[in-house]
Amino acid sequence: MVELRVCIGSSCHLKGSYNVICAFNELIEEERLHDKIDFQGTFCLKECSRPGVAVTVNGKSYDLAPEDAEAFFRREVLPLAR
């Protein structure tokens, strides 16, 4: 099971976490991965100084721009879920 978390704290919300969440939800649905990915929004991941939205995959931290969400998902998350 892949643990995928997106910060929904104030800083990440302003950086576009809602758009990242929407993109990830669509991709999980498209790829039919509900049973392989535990996807949750979480409050502050303590990465507020980074330029993008804070995301963790199995505990590993990343920051990404909302427009990079699909490419990130396909590169980092999808291989772990298959």
C-alpha atoms as a PDB file:
ATOM      1  CA  MET A   1       0.000   0.000   0.000  1.00  0.00           C
ATOM      2  CA  VAL A   2       1.419   3.365  -1.054  1.00  0.00           C
ATOM      3  CA  GLU A   3       0.894   6.168   1.460  1.00  0.00           C
ATOM      4  CA  LEU A   4       0.349   9.434  -0.393  1.00  0.00           C
ATOM      5  CA  ARG A   5      -0.151  12.631   1.620  1.00  0.00           C
ATOM      6  CA  VAL A   6      -0.725  16.218   0.502  1.00  0.00           C
ATOM      7  CA  CYS A   7      -0.433  19.100   2.923  1.00  0.00           C
ATOM      8  CA  ILE A   8      -3.585  21.207   3.234  1.00  0.00           C
ATOM      9  CA  GLY A   9      -2.166  23.725   5.704  1.00  0.00           C
ATOM     10  CA  SER A  10      -2.421  27.455   5.025  1.00  0.00           C
ATOM     11  CA  SER A  11       0.866  27.854   3.180  1.00  0.00           C
ATOM     12  CA  CYS A  12       0.332  24.851   0.903  1.00  0.00           C
ATOM     13  CA  HIS A  13      -3.288  25.809   0.339  1.00  0.00           C
ATOM     14  CA  LEU A  14      -2.090  29.161  -1.017  1.00  0.00           C
ATOM     15  CA  LYS A  15       0.449  27.356  -3.222  1.00  0.00           C
ATOM     16  CA  GLY A  16      -2.245  25.174  -4.811  1.00  0.00           C
ATOM     17  CA  SER A  17      -2.708  22.045  -2.718  1.00  0.00           C
ATOM     18  CA  TYR A  18      -6.369  21.863  -3.772  1.00  0.00           C
ATOM     19  CA  ASN A  19      -5.301  21.486  -7.412  1.00  0.00           C
ATOM     20  CA  VAL A  20      -2.748  18.807  -6.501  1.00  0.00           C
ATOM     21  CA  ILE A  21      -5.423  16.887  -4.588  1.00  0.00           C
ATOM     22  CA  CYS A  22      -7.844  17.111  -7.516  1.00  0.00           C
ATOM     23  CA  ALA A  23      -5.179  15.888  -9.953  1.00  0.00           C
ATOM     24  CA  PHE A  24      -4.193  12.966  -7.711  1.00  0.00           C
ATOM     25  CA  ASN A  25      -7.851  11.991  -7.174  1.00  0.00           C
ATOM     26  CA  GLU A  26      -8.465  11.954 -10.928  1.00  0.00           C
ATOM     27  CA  LEU A  27      -5.350   9.864 -11.566  1.00  0.00           C
ATOM     28  CA  ILE A  28      -6.181   7.364  -8.818  1.00  0.00           C
ATOM     29  CA  GLU A  29      -9.652   6.994 -10.315  1.00  0.00           C
ATOM     30  CA  GLU A  30      -8.332   6.773 -13.885  1.00  0.00           C
ATOM     31  CA  GLU A  31      -5.786   4.100 -12.960  1.00  0.00           C
ATOM     32  CA  ARG A  32      -8.233   2.297 -10.607  1.00  0.00           C
ATOM     33  CA  LEU A  33      -5.775   2.343  -7.717  1.00  0.00           C
ATOM     34  CA  HIS A  34      -8.134   2.907  -4.763  1.00  0.00           C
ATOM     35  CA  ASP A  35      -7.085  -0.378  -3.196  1.00  0.00           C
ATOM     36  CA  LYS A  36      -3.358   0.288  -3.658  1.00  0.00           C
ATOM     37  CA  ILE A  37      -2.978   3.921  -2.584  1.00  0.00           C
ATOM     38  CA  ASP A  38      -3.871   5.346   0.812  1.00  0.00           C
ATOM     39  CA  PHE A  39      -4.403   8.979  -0.183  1.00  0.00           C
ATOM     40  CA  GLN A  40      -5.065  11.654   2.420  1.00  0.00           C
ATOM     41  CA  GLY A  41      -4.842  15.359   2.977  1.00  0.00           C
ATOM     42  CA  THR A  42      -2.927  16.282   6.103  1.00  0.00           C
ATOM     43  CA  PHE A  43      -2.300  19.425   8.050  1.00  0.00           C
ATOM     44  CA  CYS A  44       1.145  21.013   8.048  1.00  0.00           C
ATOM     45  CA  LEU A  45       4.013  18.776   7.026  1.00  0.00           C
ATOM     46  CA  LYS A  46       6.456  21.435   8.327  1.00  0.00           C
ATOM     47  CA  GLU A  47       7.770  22.209   4.825  1.00  0.00           C
ATOM     48  CA  CYS A  48       6.349  25.736   4.596  1.00  0.00           C
ATOM     49  CA  SER A  49       9.620  27.313   3.462  1.00  0.00           C
ATOM     50  CA  ARG A  50       9.775  25.183   0.313  1.00  0.00           C
ATOM     51  CA  PRO A  51       8.468  26.747  -2.901  1.00  0.00           C
ATOM     52  CA  GLY A  52       5.805  24.154  -3.718  1.00  0.00           C
ATOM     53  CA  VAL A  53       3.055  22.087  -2.155  1.00  0.00           C
ATOM     54  CA  ALA A  54       4.375  19.585   0.414  1.00  0.00           C
ATOM     55  CA  VAL A  55       3.719  15.961  -0.542  1.00  0.00           C
ATOM     56  CA  THR A  56       4.940  12.718   0.989  1.00  0.00           C
ATOM     57  CA  VAL A  57       5.117   9.297  -0.625  1.00  0.00           C
ATOM     58  CA  ASN A  58       5.726   6.520   1.883  1.00  0.00           C
ATOM     59  CA  GLY A  59       7.208   9.132   4.221  1.00  0.00           C
ATOM     60  CA  LYS A  60       9.602  10.675   1.693  1.00  0.00           C
ATOM     61  CA  SER A  61       9.086  14.438   1.288  1.00  0.00           C
ATOM     62  CA  TYR A  62       8.675  16.312  -1.969  1.00  0.00           C
ATOM     63  CA  ASP A  63       7.424  19.719  -2.974  1.00  0.00           C
ATOM     64  CA  LEU A  64       5.737  20.328  -6.274  1.00  0.00           C
ATOM     65  CA  ALA A  65       3.912  22.906  -8.288  1.00  0.00           C
ATOM     66  CA  PRO A  66       0.288  22.040  -9.048  1.00  0.00           C
ATOM     67  CA  GLU A  67       1.012  21.933 -12.788  1.00  0.00           C
ATOM     68  CA  ASP A  68       3.563  19.161 -12.147  1.00  0.00           C
ATOM     69  CA  ALA A  69       1.162  16.925 -10.190  1.00  0.00           C
ATOM     70  CA  GLU A  70       0.346  14.510 -13.027  1.00  0.00           C
ATOM     71  CA  ALA A  71       3.967  14.009 -14.089  1.00  0.00           C
ATOM     72  CA  PHE A  72       4.996  13.542 -10.450  1.00  0.00           C
ATOM     73  CA  PHE A  73       2.251  10.975  -9.887  1.00  0.00           C
ATOM     74  CA  ARG A  74       3.214   8.992 -12.976  1.00  0.00           C
ATOM     75  CA  ARG A  75       6.937   9.147 -12.135  1.00  0.00           C
ATOM     76  CA  GLU A  76       6.933   8.619  -8.348  1.00  0.00           C
ATOM     77  CA  VAL A  77       3.637   7.083  -7.259  1.00  0.00           C
ATOM     78  CA  LEU A  78       2.420   4.895 -10.099  1.00  0.00           C
ATOM     79  CA  PRO A  79       5.478   2.584 -10.186  1.00  0.00           C
ATOM     80  CA  LEU A  80       5.094   1.924  -6.453  1.00  0.00           C
ATOM     81  CA  ALA A  81       1.399   1.098  -6.815  1.00  0.00           C
ATOM     82  CA  ARG A  82       1.868  -1.459  -9.585  1.00  0.00           C
END
